[in-house]
Amino acid sequence: MMHCKMLIVDERLVSVGSTNFDNRSFRLTFEITMLFAEPSFVQDVEKMFAADFARSTRATATDYTARPWWFHLAARTSRLMAPVQ
């Protein structure tokens, strides 16, 4: 699994990094995001996205709510241990 944030802008720029758009990422953690304007790299990222989407399945709100009760309990319990943001 790749945990990276990527964004293609107008088929001309690619943003790649680990930064979330929140104060914690900007101020507390040492994360970075880079912006690339190299056309061949933009094309490679577009191809990678297309391949990823071809292997993916769309998740809906119904998929989440249809999960078993113990999943929802575990999710709510784990939120108690998360840092306050």
N, C-alpha and C. Protein backbone atom coordinates (compact mmCIF):
# COMPACT_ATOMS: atom_id res chain seq x y z
N MET A 1 0.84 -1.17 0.00
CA MET A 1 0.00 0.00 0.00
C MET A 1 0.89 1.24 0.00
N MET A 2 0.55 2.17 -0.85
CA MET A 2 1.28 3.43 -0.88
C MET A 2 0.44 4.47 -0.14
N HIS A 3 1.05 5.11 0.85
CA HIS A 3 0.34 6.16 1.60
C HIS A 3 0.97 7.48 1.24
N CYS A 4 0.54 8.00 0.12
CA CYS A 4 1.12 9.22 -0.42
C CYS A 4 -0.02 10.02 -1.03
N LYS A 5 0.07 11.32 -0.91
CA LYS A 5 -0.95 12.16 -1.51
C LYS A 5 -0.42 12.65 -2.85
N MET A 6 -1.21 12.46 -3.90
CA MET A 6 -0.81 12.89 -5.23
C MET A 6 -1.95 13.65 -5.86
N LEU A 7 -1.60 14.66 -6.63
CA LEU A 7 -2.61 15.51 -7.26
C LEU A 7 -2.08 15.93 -8.62
N ILE A 8 -2.91 15.79 -9.64
CA ILE A 8 -2.56 16.27 -10.97
C ILE A 8 -3.34 17.56 -11.20
N VAL A 9 -2.63 18.60 -11.62
CA VAL A 9 -3.25 19.91 -11.84
C VAL A 9 -3.21 20.24 -13.33
N ASP A 10 -4.39 20.30 -13.94
CA ASP A 10 -4.53 20.71 -15.34
C ASP A 10 -3.62 19.95 -16.30
N GLU A 11 -3.34 18.69 -16.01
CA GLU A 11 -2.47 17.86 -16.85
C GLU A 11 -1.11 18.51 -17.10
N ARG A 12 -0.68 19.39 -16.18
CA ARG A 12 0.59 20.09 -16.35
C ARG A 12 1.50 19.99 -15.14
N LEU A 13 0.92 19.79 -13.96
CA LEU A 13 1.69 19.72 -12.73
C LEU A 13 1.28 18.51 -11.93
N VAL A 14 2.22 17.96 -11.16
CA VAL A 14 1.93 16.87 -10.25
C VAL A 14 2.46 17.24 -8.87
N SER A 15 1.61 17.09 -7.88
CA SER A 15 2.00 17.29 -6.49
C SER A 15 2.11 15.90 -5.86
N VAL A 16 3.25 15.61 -5.23
CA VAL A 16 3.50 14.31 -4.61
C VAL A 16 4.06 14.55 -3.21
N GLY A 17 3.48 13.90 -2.22
CA GLY A 17 4.03 14.05 -0.88
C GLY A 17 3.24 13.32 0.17
N SER A 18 3.60 13.59 1.42
CA SER A 18 2.95 12.94 2.55
C SER A 18 2.13 13.91 3.38
N THR A 19 2.17 15.20 3.04
CA THR A 19 1.52 16.22 3.84
C THR A 19 0.01 16.16 3.71
N ASN A 20 -0.68 16.20 4.86
CA ASN A 20 -2.12 16.40 4.89
C ASN A 20 -2.35 17.90 4.94
N PHE A 21 -3.50 18.35 4.52
CA PHE A 21 -3.79 19.77 4.57
C PHE A 21 -4.43 20.12 5.91
N ASP A 22 -3.61 20.04 6.97
CA ASP A 22 -4.07 20.42 8.31
C ASP A 22 -2.89 20.99 9.09
N ASN A 23 -3.18 21.64 10.20
CA ASN A 23 -2.13 22.28 10.98
C ASN A 23 -1.09 21.30 11.49
N ARG A 24 -1.52 20.10 11.85
CA ARG A 24 -0.56 19.11 12.37
C ARG A 24 0.53 18.81 11.35
N SER A 25 0.13 18.57 10.11
CA SER A 25 1.12 18.27 9.07
C SER A 25 2.00 19.47 8.76
N PHE A 26 1.40 20.65 8.76
CA PHE A 26 2.17 21.84 8.41
C PHE A 26 3.11 22.29 9.53
N ARG A 27 2.73 22.09 10.78
CA ARG A 27 3.50 22.67 11.88
C ARG A 27 4.22 21.66 12.77
N LEU A 28 3.65 20.47 12.96
CA LEU A 28 4.19 19.55 13.96
C LEU A 28 5.00 18.40 13.37
N THR A 29 4.56 17.86 12.28
CA THR A 29 5.26 16.70 11.72
C THR A 29 6.16 17.14 10.58
N PHE A 30 7.17 16.38 10.34
CA PHE A 30 8.13 16.71 9.30
C PHE A 30 7.73 15.99 8.02
N GLU A 31 6.77 16.56 7.34
CA GLU A 31 6.29 15.98 6.10
C GLU A 31 6.61 16.96 4.97
N ILE A 32 6.60 16.43 3.76
CA ILE A 32 6.97 17.26 2.62
C ILE A 32 6.10 16.91 1.42
N THR A 33 5.88 17.90 0.59
CA THR A 33 5.20 17.71 -0.68
C THR A 33 5.99 18.46 -1.73
N MET A 34 6.16 17.82 -2.89
CA MET A 34 6.91 18.46 -3.98
C MET A 34 5.99 18.64 -5.17
N LEU A 35 6.25 19.65 -5.94
CA LEU A 35 5.49 19.96 -7.13
C LEU A 35 6.39 19.76 -8.34
N PHE A 36 5.91 18.97 -9.31
CA PHE A 36 6.69 18.66 -10.51
C PHE A 36 5.99 19.22 -11.74
N ALA A 37 6.77 19.78 -12.67
CA ALA A 37 6.22 20.32 -13.90
C ALA A 37 6.81 19.63 -15.13
N GLU A 38 7.43 18.49 -14.92
CA GLU A 38 8.05 17.73 -16.01
C GLU A 38 6.97 16.96 -16.77
N PRO A 39 6.74 17.25 -18.07
CA PRO A 39 5.65 16.60 -18.82
C PRO A 39 5.69 15.08 -18.80
N SER A 40 6.87 14.48 -18.92
CA SER A 40 6.94 13.01 -18.94
C SER A 40 6.53 12.43 -17.58
N PHE A 41 6.88 13.11 -16.50
CA PHE A 41 6.49 12.64 -15.17
C PHE A 41 4.98 12.76 -14.98
N VAL A 42 4.40 13.86 -15.47
CA VAL A 42 2.95 14.05 -15.38
C VAL A 42 2.25 12.92 -16.13
N GLN A 43 2.73 12.56 -17.31
CA GLN A 43 2.14 11.46 -18.08
C GLN A 43 2.27 10.12 -17.35
N ASP A 44 3.42 9.88 -16.73
CA ASP A 44 3.61 8.64 -15.97
C ASP A 44 2.62 8.55 -14.81
N VAL A 45 2.41 9.65 -14.12
CA VAL A 45 1.47 9.67 -12.99
C VAL A 45 0.04 9.46 -13.49
N GLU A 46 -0.32 10.07 -14.61
CA GLU A 46 -1.65 9.87 -15.18
C GLU A 46 -1.88 8.40 -15.52
N LYS A 47 -0.87 7.74 -16.09
CA LYS A 47 -0.97 6.31 -16.42
C LYS A 47 -1.11 5.47 -15.15
N MET A 48 -0.36 5.84 -14.11
CA MET A 48 -0.44 5.12 -12.84
C MET A 48 -1.84 5.25 -12.24
N PHE A 49 -2.38 6.47 -12.24
CA PHE A 49 -3.75 6.67 -11.74
C PHE A 49 -4.75 5.83 -12.52
N ALA A 50 -4.64 5.83 -13.85
CA ALA A 50 -5.57 5.06 -14.69
C ALA A 50 -5.49 3.58 -14.35
N ALA A 51 -4.28 3.05 -14.15
CA ALA A 51 -4.12 1.64 -13.79
C ALA A 51 -4.71 1.36 -12.41
N ASP A 52 -4.49 2.27 -11.46
CA ASP A 52 -5.04 2.10 -10.12
C ASP A 52 -6.57 2.11 -10.15
N PHE A 53 -7.14 3.06 -10.89
CA PHE A 53 -8.61 3.14 -10.97
C PHE A 53 -9.20 1.91 -11.65
N ALA A 54 -8.49 1.35 -12.63
CA ALA A 54 -8.98 0.14 -13.32
C ALA A 54 -9.06 -1.05 -12.37
N ARG A 55 -8.20 -1.08 -11.35
CA ARG A 55 -8.19 -2.19 -10.39
C ARG A 55 -9.04 -1.90 -9.15
N SER A 56 -9.64 -0.74 -9.10
CA SER A 56 -10.35 -0.31 -7.89
C SER A 56 -11.85 -0.57 -7.98
N THR A 57 -12.47 -0.55 -6.82
CA THR A 57 -13.93 -0.60 -6.75
C THR A 57 -14.40 0.63 -5.99
N ARG A 58 -15.48 1.20 -6.44
CA ARG A 58 -16.01 2.41 -5.80
C ARG A 58 -16.62 2.03 -4.46
N ALA A 59 -16.26 2.78 -3.43
CA ALA A 59 -16.83 2.58 -2.10
C ALA A 59 -17.94 3.61 -1.90
N THR A 60 -19.04 3.17 -1.34
CA THR A 60 -20.17 4.06 -1.10
C THR A 60 -20.45 4.15 0.40
N ALA A 61 -21.28 5.10 0.77
CA ALA A 61 -21.69 5.23 2.17
C ALA A 61 -22.42 3.98 2.62
N THR A 62 -23.18 3.37 1.73
CA THR A 62 -23.89 2.14 2.06
C THR A 62 -22.93 1.01 2.39
N ASP A 63 -21.81 0.93 1.67
CA ASP A 63 -20.79 -0.08 1.98
C ASP A 63 -20.30 0.07 3.41
N TYR A 64 -20.11 1.31 3.84
CA TYR A 64 -19.63 1.56 5.20
C TYR A 64 -20.69 1.20 6.24
N THR A 65 -21.90 1.66 6.03
CA THR A 65 -22.95 1.41 7.02
C THR A 65 -23.34 -0.06 7.08
N ALA A 66 -23.08 -0.81 6.02
CA ALA A 66 -23.44 -2.24 6.00
C ALA A 66 -22.41 -3.12 6.71
N ARG A 67 -21.33 -2.53 7.18
CA ARG A 67 -20.32 -3.33 7.90
C ARG A 67 -20.91 -3.83 9.22
N PRO A 68 -20.33 -4.91 9.77
CA PRO A 68 -20.88 -5.50 11.00
C PRO A 68 -20.78 -4.55 12.20
N TRP A 69 -21.61 -4.79 13.21
CA TRP A 69 -21.67 -3.93 14.40
C TRP A 69 -20.33 -3.82 15.09
N TRP A 70 -19.56 -4.94 15.10
CA TRP A 70 -18.29 -4.92 15.80
C TRP A 70 -17.28 -4.00 15.11
N PHE A 71 -17.40 -3.83 13.80
CA PHE A 71 -16.52 -2.91 13.09
C PHE A 71 -16.79 -1.48 13.55
N HIS A 72 -18.06 -1.11 13.63
CA HIS A 72 -18.42 0.25 14.06
C HIS A 72 -18.00 0.49 15.51
N LEU A 73 -18.14 -0.53 16.35
CA LEU A 73 -17.70 -0.40 17.74
C LEU A 73 -16.19 -0.19 17.81
N ALA A 74 -15.44 -0.96 17.04
CA ALA A 74 -13.98 -0.83 17.02
C ALA A 74 -13.56 0.55 16.50
N ALA A 75 -14.24 1.04 15.48
CA ALA A 75 -13.92 2.36 14.94
C ALA A 75 -14.18 3.45 15.96
N ARG A 76 -15.30 3.38 16.66
CA ARG A 76 -15.61 4.39 17.68
C ARG A 76 -14.64 4.31 18.85
N THR A 77 -14.28 3.09 19.25
CA THR A 77 -13.34 2.92 20.35
C THR A 77 -11.96 3.46 19.99
N SER A 78 -11.52 3.21 18.77
CA SER A 78 -10.19 3.68 18.36
C SER A 78 -10.13 5.20 18.30
N ARG A 79 -11.25 5.85 18.04
CA ARG A 79 -11.26 7.32 18.03
C ARG A 79 -10.94 7.90 19.41
N LEU A 80 -11.25 7.16 20.46
CA LEU A 80 -10.96 7.63 21.81
C LEU A 80 -9.45 7.74 22.05
N MET A 81 -8.68 6.94 21.33
CA MET A 81 -7.24 6.93 21.50
C MET A 81 -6.52 7.87 20.56
N ALA A 82 -7.24 8.48 19.63
CA ALA A 82 -6.63 9.39 18.66
C ALA A 82 -6.33 10.74 19.32
N PRO A 83 -5.26 11.39 18.89
CA PRO A 83 -4.98 12.72 19.46
C PRO A 83 -6.05 13.72 19.04
N VAL A 84 -6.27 14.70 19.88
CA VAL A 84 -7.26 15.73 19.58
C VAL A 84 -6.68 16.64 18.52
N GLN A 85 -7.49 16.97 17.52
CA GLN A 85 -7.01 17.84 16.44
C GLN A 85 -7.84 19.10 16.39
